[in-house]
N, C-alpha and C. Protein backbone atom coordinates (compact mmCIF):
# COMPACT_ATOMS: atom_id res chain seq x y z
N MET A 1 -110.05 69.70 66.96
CA MET A 1 -109.37 68.87 66.00
C MET A 1 -108.56 69.78 65.08
N VAL A 2 -107.33 69.37 64.79
CA VAL A 2 -106.45 70.15 63.94
C VAL A 2 -106.09 69.31 62.72
N ALA A 3 -106.07 69.94 61.56
CA ALA A 3 -105.75 69.24 60.32
C ALA A 3 -104.39 69.67 59.81
N TYR A 4 -103.64 68.72 59.27
CA TYR A 4 -102.35 68.99 58.65
C TYR A 4 -102.34 68.37 57.26
N SER A 5 -101.72 69.09 56.33
CA SER A 5 -101.60 68.62 54.96
C SER A 5 -100.16 68.18 54.72
N PHE A 6 -100.02 67.09 53.96
CA PHE A 6 -98.71 66.53 53.68
C PHE A 6 -98.49 66.42 52.19
N ASN A 7 -97.25 66.54 51.80
CA ASN A 7 -96.81 66.30 50.44
C ASN A 7 -97.11 64.84 50.10
N LYS A 8 -97.41 64.58 48.85
CA LYS A 8 -97.75 63.24 48.40
C LYS A 8 -96.69 62.20 48.78
N ARG A 9 -95.42 62.60 48.80
CA ARG A 9 -94.34 61.64 49.09
C ARG A 9 -94.43 61.04 50.49
N PHE A 10 -95.18 61.67 51.40
CA PHE A 10 -95.27 61.18 52.78
C PHE A 10 -96.50 60.32 53.05
N ALA A 11 -97.44 60.28 52.14
CA ALA A 11 -98.70 59.58 52.39
C ALA A 11 -98.49 58.10 52.73
N GLU A 12 -97.67 57.41 51.97
CA GLU A 12 -97.46 55.99 52.23
C GLU A 12 -96.72 55.77 53.55
N ALA A 13 -95.75 56.63 53.85
CA ALA A 13 -95.01 56.52 55.12
C ALA A 13 -95.94 56.71 56.31
N ILE A 14 -96.93 57.59 56.17
CA ILE A 14 -97.89 57.82 57.25
C ILE A 14 -98.86 56.65 57.35
N ALA A 15 -99.33 56.17 56.22
CA ALA A 15 -100.36 55.13 56.21
C ALA A 15 -99.83 53.75 56.60
N SER A 16 -98.67 53.38 56.07
CA SER A 16 -98.22 52.01 56.30
C SER A 16 -96.72 51.85 56.50
N GLY A 17 -95.98 52.92 56.37
CA GLY A 17 -94.54 52.86 56.54
C GLY A 17 -93.82 53.24 55.26
N HIS A 18 -92.63 53.78 55.42
CA HIS A 18 -91.81 54.17 54.27
C HIS A 18 -91.53 52.93 53.42
N PRO A 19 -91.66 53.03 52.10
CA PRO A 19 -91.48 51.85 51.25
C PRO A 19 -90.10 51.20 51.38
N ALA A 20 -89.07 51.95 51.69
CA ALA A 20 -87.73 51.38 51.79
C ALA A 20 -87.36 50.97 53.22
N THR A 21 -87.82 51.76 54.21
CA THR A 21 -87.42 51.48 55.60
C THR A 21 -88.48 50.76 56.40
N GLY A 22 -89.74 50.88 55.98
CA GLY A 22 -90.85 50.30 56.73
C GLY A 22 -91.25 51.11 57.95
N ILE A 23 -90.55 52.19 58.22
CA ILE A 23 -90.83 53.01 59.40
C ILE A 23 -92.06 53.88 59.14
N VAL A 24 -93.01 53.83 60.06
CA VAL A 24 -94.23 54.62 59.95
C VAL A 24 -93.94 56.03 60.44
N LYS A 25 -94.30 57.00 59.63
CA LYS A 25 -94.12 58.43 59.98
C LYS A 25 -95.16 58.81 61.01
N ARG A 26 -94.70 59.22 62.19
CA ARG A 26 -95.61 59.65 63.24
C ARG A 26 -95.17 60.97 63.85
N GLN A 27 -94.54 61.79 63.03
CA GLN A 27 -94.16 63.13 63.46
C GLN A 27 -94.10 64.03 62.25
N THR A 28 -94.21 65.32 62.50
CA THR A 28 -94.06 66.32 61.46
C THR A 28 -93.43 67.56 62.07
N ILE A 29 -92.61 68.23 61.31
CA ILE A 29 -91.97 69.46 61.72
C ILE A 29 -92.73 70.59 61.03
N ARG A 30 -93.19 71.57 61.81
CA ARG A 30 -93.97 72.67 61.26
C ARG A 30 -93.48 74.01 61.78
N ALA A 31 -93.68 75.02 60.96
CA ALA A 31 -93.35 76.40 61.35
C ALA A 31 -94.35 76.86 62.41
N PRO A 32 -93.94 77.83 63.21
CA PRO A 32 -94.89 78.36 64.20
C PRO A 32 -96.14 78.92 63.50
N ARG A 33 -97.26 78.77 64.16
CA ARG A 33 -98.50 79.37 63.69
C ARG A 33 -99.36 79.66 64.91
N LYS A 34 -100.47 80.31 64.68
CA LYS A 34 -101.31 80.73 65.78
C LYS A 34 -101.74 79.56 66.67
N ARG A 35 -102.11 78.44 66.06
CA ARG A 35 -102.63 77.33 66.85
C ARG A 35 -102.22 76.00 66.25
N HIS A 36 -101.33 75.30 66.92
CA HIS A 36 -101.00 73.93 66.53
C HIS A 36 -101.80 72.98 67.42
N ALA A 37 -101.75 71.73 67.07
CA ALA A 37 -102.39 70.71 67.90
C ALA A 37 -101.78 70.71 69.29
N ARG A 38 -102.54 70.18 70.23
CA ARG A 38 -102.06 70.03 71.60
C ARG A 38 -102.16 68.55 71.97
N PRO A 39 -101.28 68.08 72.86
CA PRO A 39 -101.37 66.68 73.28
C PRO A 39 -102.78 66.34 73.75
N GLY A 40 -103.26 65.18 73.30
CA GLY A 40 -104.60 64.73 73.65
C GLY A 40 -105.64 65.07 72.60
N GLU A 41 -105.33 65.97 71.68
CA GLU A 41 -106.28 66.33 70.63
C GLU A 41 -106.16 65.36 69.46
N LEU A 42 -107.23 65.27 68.69
CA LEU A 42 -107.22 64.45 67.49
C LEU A 42 -106.65 65.26 66.32
N LEU A 43 -105.92 64.57 65.46
CA LEU A 43 -105.35 65.17 64.27
C LEU A 43 -105.98 64.56 63.04
N GLN A 44 -106.23 65.38 62.06
CA GLN A 44 -106.65 64.90 60.74
C GLN A 44 -105.47 65.10 59.81
N LEU A 45 -105.05 64.02 59.17
CA LEU A 45 -103.88 64.06 58.29
C LEU A 45 -104.32 63.87 56.85
N TYR A 46 -104.03 64.88 56.02
CA TYR A 46 -104.47 64.89 54.63
C TYR A 46 -103.29 64.99 53.68
N GLN A 47 -103.53 64.56 52.48
CA GLN A 47 -102.63 64.82 51.36
C GLN A 47 -103.35 65.81 50.47
N GLY A 48 -102.67 66.87 50.09
CA GLY A 48 -103.25 67.82 49.14
C GLY A 48 -104.42 68.61 49.66
N MET A 49 -104.41 68.98 50.91
CA MET A 49 -105.50 69.77 51.47
C MET A 49 -105.65 71.07 50.66
N ARG A 50 -106.86 71.52 50.53
CA ARG A 50 -107.23 72.72 49.77
C ARG A 50 -106.98 72.58 48.27
N THR A 51 -106.99 71.35 47.80
CA THR A 51 -106.93 71.10 46.36
C THR A 51 -108.06 70.14 46.00
N LYS A 52 -108.32 69.99 44.72
CA LYS A 52 -109.38 69.06 44.32
C LYS A 52 -108.95 67.61 44.52
N HIS A 53 -107.67 67.38 44.81
CA HIS A 53 -107.15 66.03 45.02
C HIS A 53 -106.99 65.71 46.51
N CYS A 54 -107.62 66.48 47.36
CA CYS A 54 -107.50 66.30 48.81
C CYS A 54 -108.01 64.91 49.21
N ALA A 55 -107.22 64.24 50.05
CA ALA A 55 -107.62 62.92 50.53
C ALA A 55 -107.09 62.72 51.94
N ARG A 56 -107.91 62.14 52.79
CA ARG A 56 -107.47 61.80 54.14
C ARG A 56 -106.52 60.61 54.03
N ILE A 57 -105.39 60.69 54.73
CA ILE A 57 -104.38 59.62 54.64
C ILE A 57 -104.74 58.46 55.56
N VAL A 58 -105.10 58.76 56.80
CA VAL A 58 -105.44 57.75 57.80
C VAL A 58 -106.59 58.29 58.65
N PRO A 59 -107.27 57.42 59.39
CA PRO A 59 -108.28 57.92 60.32
C PRO A 59 -107.62 58.86 61.34
N ASP A 60 -108.44 59.60 62.07
CA ASP A 60 -107.93 60.56 63.05
C ASP A 60 -106.87 59.92 63.94
N GLN A 61 -105.83 60.68 64.21
CA GLN A 61 -104.71 60.24 65.04
C GLN A 61 -104.71 61.07 66.32
N LEU A 62 -104.09 60.55 67.37
CA LEU A 62 -104.04 61.23 68.66
C LEU A 62 -102.70 61.93 68.83
N CYS A 63 -102.73 63.23 69.01
CA CYS A 63 -101.51 64.00 69.25
C CYS A 63 -100.94 63.59 70.61
N THR A 64 -99.66 63.21 70.63
CA THR A 64 -99.03 62.77 71.88
C THR A 64 -98.11 63.84 72.45
N THR A 65 -97.36 64.52 71.59
CA THR A 65 -96.46 65.58 72.06
C THR A 65 -96.32 66.67 71.01
N VAL A 66 -96.02 67.85 71.49
CA VAL A 66 -95.66 68.98 70.64
C VAL A 66 -94.43 69.60 71.29
N ARG A 67 -93.32 69.54 70.57
CA ARG A 67 -92.05 69.97 71.15
C ARG A 67 -91.38 71.03 70.28
N PRO A 68 -90.84 72.07 70.90
CA PRO A 68 -90.09 73.05 70.11
C PRO A 68 -88.81 72.43 69.58
N VAL A 69 -88.50 72.74 68.33
CA VAL A 69 -87.35 72.13 67.67
C VAL A 69 -86.58 73.18 66.87
N ARG A 70 -85.28 72.99 66.78
CA ARG A 70 -84.44 73.84 65.95
C ARG A 70 -83.64 72.92 65.02
N LEU A 71 -83.68 73.23 63.72
CA LEU A 71 -82.96 72.45 62.72
C LEU A 71 -81.93 73.34 62.03
N TRP A 72 -80.70 72.86 62.00
CA TRP A 72 -79.68 73.45 61.16
C TRP A 72 -79.46 72.44 60.03
N ILE A 73 -80.18 72.62 58.96
CA ILE A 73 -80.15 71.65 57.87
C ILE A 73 -78.75 71.56 57.26
N ALA A 74 -78.17 72.70 56.91
CA ALA A 74 -76.87 72.69 56.24
C ALA A 74 -75.75 72.19 57.16
N ARG A 75 -75.86 72.43 58.45
CA ARG A 75 -74.84 71.98 59.39
C ARG A 75 -75.00 70.53 59.81
N GLY A 76 -76.21 70.00 59.64
CA GLY A 76 -76.47 68.63 60.09
C GLY A 76 -76.61 68.56 61.59
N TYR A 77 -77.58 69.30 62.12
CA TYR A 77 -77.77 69.34 63.57
C TYR A 77 -79.23 69.62 63.88
N VAL A 78 -79.79 68.87 64.82
CA VAL A 78 -81.18 69.05 65.26
C VAL A 78 -81.17 69.11 66.78
N GLN A 79 -81.96 70.04 67.33
CA GLN A 79 -82.04 70.15 68.79
C GLN A 79 -83.50 70.30 69.21
N LEU A 80 -83.90 69.49 70.20
CA LEU A 80 -85.22 69.65 70.81
C LEU A 80 -85.04 70.66 71.93
N LEU A 81 -85.70 71.79 71.80
CA LEU A 81 -85.43 72.93 72.68
C LEU A 81 -85.96 72.76 74.09
N ASP A 82 -86.96 71.92 74.29
CA ASP A 82 -87.51 71.77 75.64
C ASP A 82 -86.60 70.95 76.55
N THR A 83 -85.81 70.06 75.98
CA THR A 83 -84.93 69.21 76.78
C THR A 83 -83.46 69.42 76.48
N GLY A 84 -83.17 70.07 75.36
CA GLY A 84 -81.79 70.23 74.94
C GLY A 84 -81.25 69.01 74.22
N GLU A 85 -82.08 67.97 74.07
CA GLU A 85 -81.65 66.76 73.36
C GLU A 85 -81.19 67.15 71.95
N ALA A 86 -80.04 66.61 71.56
CA ALA A 86 -79.46 66.98 70.27
C ALA A 86 -79.19 65.74 69.43
N PHE A 87 -79.31 65.93 68.13
CA PHE A 87 -79.01 64.91 67.14
C PHE A 87 -77.92 65.49 66.25
N GLY A 88 -76.71 65.00 66.39
CA GLY A 88 -75.61 65.58 65.64
C GLY A 88 -74.73 64.56 64.93
N THR A 89 -74.82 63.29 65.33
CA THR A 89 -74.02 62.28 64.64
C THR A 89 -74.78 61.79 63.41
N ALA A 90 -74.07 61.20 62.49
CA ALA A 90 -74.71 60.70 61.27
C ALA A 90 -75.81 59.69 61.59
N ALA A 91 -75.55 58.78 62.53
CA ALA A 91 -76.55 57.77 62.87
C ALA A 91 -77.78 58.40 63.51
N MET A 92 -77.57 59.36 64.40
CA MET A 92 -78.71 60.03 65.06
C MET A 92 -79.53 60.83 64.06
N LEU A 93 -78.85 61.51 63.15
CA LEU A 93 -79.57 62.30 62.14
C LEU A 93 -80.34 61.39 61.19
N ASP A 94 -79.75 60.27 60.81
CA ASP A 94 -80.47 59.32 59.96
C ASP A 94 -81.72 58.79 60.67
N ASP A 95 -81.61 58.46 61.96
CA ASP A 95 -82.76 57.98 62.73
C ASP A 95 -83.85 59.06 62.81
N PHE A 96 -83.43 60.30 63.07
CA PHE A 96 -84.39 61.41 63.14
C PHE A 96 -85.10 61.57 61.79
N ALA A 97 -84.34 61.55 60.71
CA ALA A 97 -84.92 61.72 59.37
C ALA A 97 -85.88 60.58 59.04
N ARG A 98 -85.51 59.36 59.39
CA ARG A 98 -86.40 58.21 59.11
C ARG A 98 -87.72 58.34 59.87
N ALA A 99 -87.64 58.81 61.11
CA ALA A 99 -88.87 59.00 61.90
C ALA A 99 -89.76 60.06 61.26
N ASP A 100 -89.16 60.96 60.50
CA ASP A 100 -89.93 62.03 59.85
C ASP A 100 -90.33 61.66 58.42
N GLY A 101 -90.13 60.41 58.02
CA GLY A 101 -90.61 59.95 56.73
C GLY A 101 -89.61 59.99 55.60
N PHE A 102 -88.35 60.20 55.91
CA PHE A 102 -87.31 60.25 54.89
C PHE A 102 -86.50 58.96 54.90
N LEU A 103 -85.76 58.75 53.83
CA LEU A 103 -84.90 57.57 53.73
C LEU A 103 -83.70 57.69 54.66
N HIS A 104 -83.13 58.89 54.74
CA HIS A 104 -81.97 59.17 55.59
C HIS A 104 -81.80 60.68 55.67
N TRP A 105 -80.80 61.14 56.41
CA TRP A 105 -80.59 62.57 56.62
C TRP A 105 -80.34 63.29 55.30
N ASP A 106 -79.55 62.72 54.39
CA ASP A 106 -79.28 63.38 53.10
C ASP A 106 -80.58 63.63 52.33
N ASP A 107 -81.52 62.69 52.41
CA ASP A 107 -82.82 62.84 51.77
C ASP A 107 -83.59 64.00 52.41
N MET A 108 -83.55 64.07 53.73
CA MET A 108 -84.22 65.16 54.45
C MET A 108 -83.59 66.51 54.09
N GLN A 109 -82.26 66.56 54.06
CA GLN A 109 -81.56 67.80 53.69
C GLN A 109 -81.99 68.26 52.29
N ALA A 110 -82.00 67.35 51.34
CA ALA A 110 -82.36 67.71 49.97
C ALA A 110 -83.79 68.24 49.90
N PHE A 111 -84.70 67.61 50.62
CA PHE A 111 -86.09 68.06 50.64
C PHE A 111 -86.19 69.47 51.20
N TRP A 112 -85.56 69.71 52.35
CA TRP A 112 -85.62 71.02 52.99
C TRP A 112 -84.96 72.10 52.13
N LYS A 113 -83.82 71.77 51.53
CA LYS A 113 -83.14 72.76 50.69
C LYS A 113 -83.96 73.12 49.46
N ALA A 114 -84.68 72.15 48.90
CA ALA A 114 -85.55 72.41 47.75
C ALA A 114 -86.75 73.26 48.15
N ALA A 115 -87.25 73.05 49.36
CA ALA A 115 -88.45 73.76 49.81
C ALA A 115 -88.14 75.12 50.43
N HIS A 116 -86.95 75.27 51.00
CA HIS A 116 -86.59 76.50 51.73
C HIS A 116 -85.16 76.88 51.36
N GLU A 117 -85.01 77.88 50.52
CA GLU A 117 -83.66 78.21 50.04
C GLU A 117 -82.70 78.57 51.17
N GLN A 118 -83.20 79.13 52.26
CA GLN A 118 -82.33 79.50 53.38
C GLN A 118 -81.77 78.27 54.11
N ALA A 119 -82.34 77.10 53.89
CA ALA A 119 -81.85 75.88 54.54
C ALA A 119 -80.44 75.53 54.11
N ALA A 120 -79.98 76.04 52.98
CA ALA A 120 -78.62 75.78 52.50
C ALA A 120 -77.58 76.63 53.23
N ASP A 121 -78.03 77.65 53.95
CA ASP A 121 -77.12 78.55 54.68
C ASP A 121 -76.77 77.94 56.03
N PRO A 122 -75.49 77.62 56.28
CA PRO A 122 -75.11 76.98 57.55
C PRO A 122 -75.35 77.86 58.77
N ASP A 123 -75.53 79.16 58.57
CA ASP A 123 -75.79 80.05 59.70
C ASP A 123 -77.27 80.22 60.00
N MET A 124 -78.12 79.64 59.15
CA MET A 124 -79.57 79.78 59.34
C MET A 124 -80.14 78.54 60.00
N ALA A 125 -80.93 78.76 61.03
CA ALA A 125 -81.61 77.66 61.71
C ALA A 125 -83.11 77.85 61.54
N PHE A 126 -83.82 76.76 61.42
CA PHE A 126 -85.28 76.77 61.38
C PHE A 126 -85.77 76.44 62.78
N GLU A 127 -86.66 77.26 63.31
CA GLU A 127 -87.27 76.97 64.60
C GLU A 127 -88.75 76.78 64.39
N GLY A 128 -89.26 75.70 64.94
CA GLY A 128 -90.67 75.39 64.82
C GLY A 128 -91.06 74.39 65.88
N VAL A 129 -92.01 73.54 65.53
CA VAL A 129 -92.46 72.52 66.47
C VAL A 129 -92.44 71.16 65.80
N MET A 130 -92.21 70.14 66.61
CA MET A 130 -92.30 68.76 66.17
C MET A 130 -93.55 68.18 66.81
N ILE A 131 -94.51 67.83 65.96
CA ILE A 131 -95.79 67.30 66.43
C ILE A 131 -95.76 65.80 66.23
N CYS A 132 -96.03 65.04 67.31
CA CYS A 132 -96.00 63.58 67.25
C CYS A 132 -97.40 63.04 67.51
N TRP A 133 -97.68 61.89 66.95
CA TRP A 133 -99.00 61.28 67.12
C TRP A 133 -98.89 59.76 67.16
N GLU A 134 -99.98 59.16 67.57
CA GLU A 134 -100.15 57.71 67.58
C GLU A 134 -101.54 57.42 67.05
N PRO A 135 -101.77 56.21 66.57
CA PRO A 135 -103.13 55.86 66.15
C PRO A 135 -104.09 56.02 67.32
N ARG A 136 -105.27 56.44 67.01
CA ARG A 136 -106.31 56.61 68.03
C ARG A 136 -106.71 55.25 68.61
N PRO A 137 -106.75 55.17 69.95
CA PRO A 137 -107.13 53.88 70.57
C PRO A 137 -108.56 53.49 70.27
């Protein structure tokens, strides 16, 4: 079982859907690390892990896919590296951002730029993994 911690702003989107879009967040983009979840494993999703305010957001979820991803936040481009699938139009980027718990691509850009100063550089790409899940049957 693998645990992931989320910013407070994503808890409602994970639990019941984004307040404005109603879309339930069932994916997360993460930096490479020694061991991410694997398809078929259970995920524990928390808000504020390793703090006194730690709380489980939903019951254990089932990891469905883990895909390598590259994001060019400043350029407005996302690519899934295993298939080459790309998101480059405004509509595609908005759909991608909504699936990740944001209102739209501009909201996702602002979040990433605030969290990672290099995200504002159009020549810098973030490479990591996109972990997807579904409720446990």
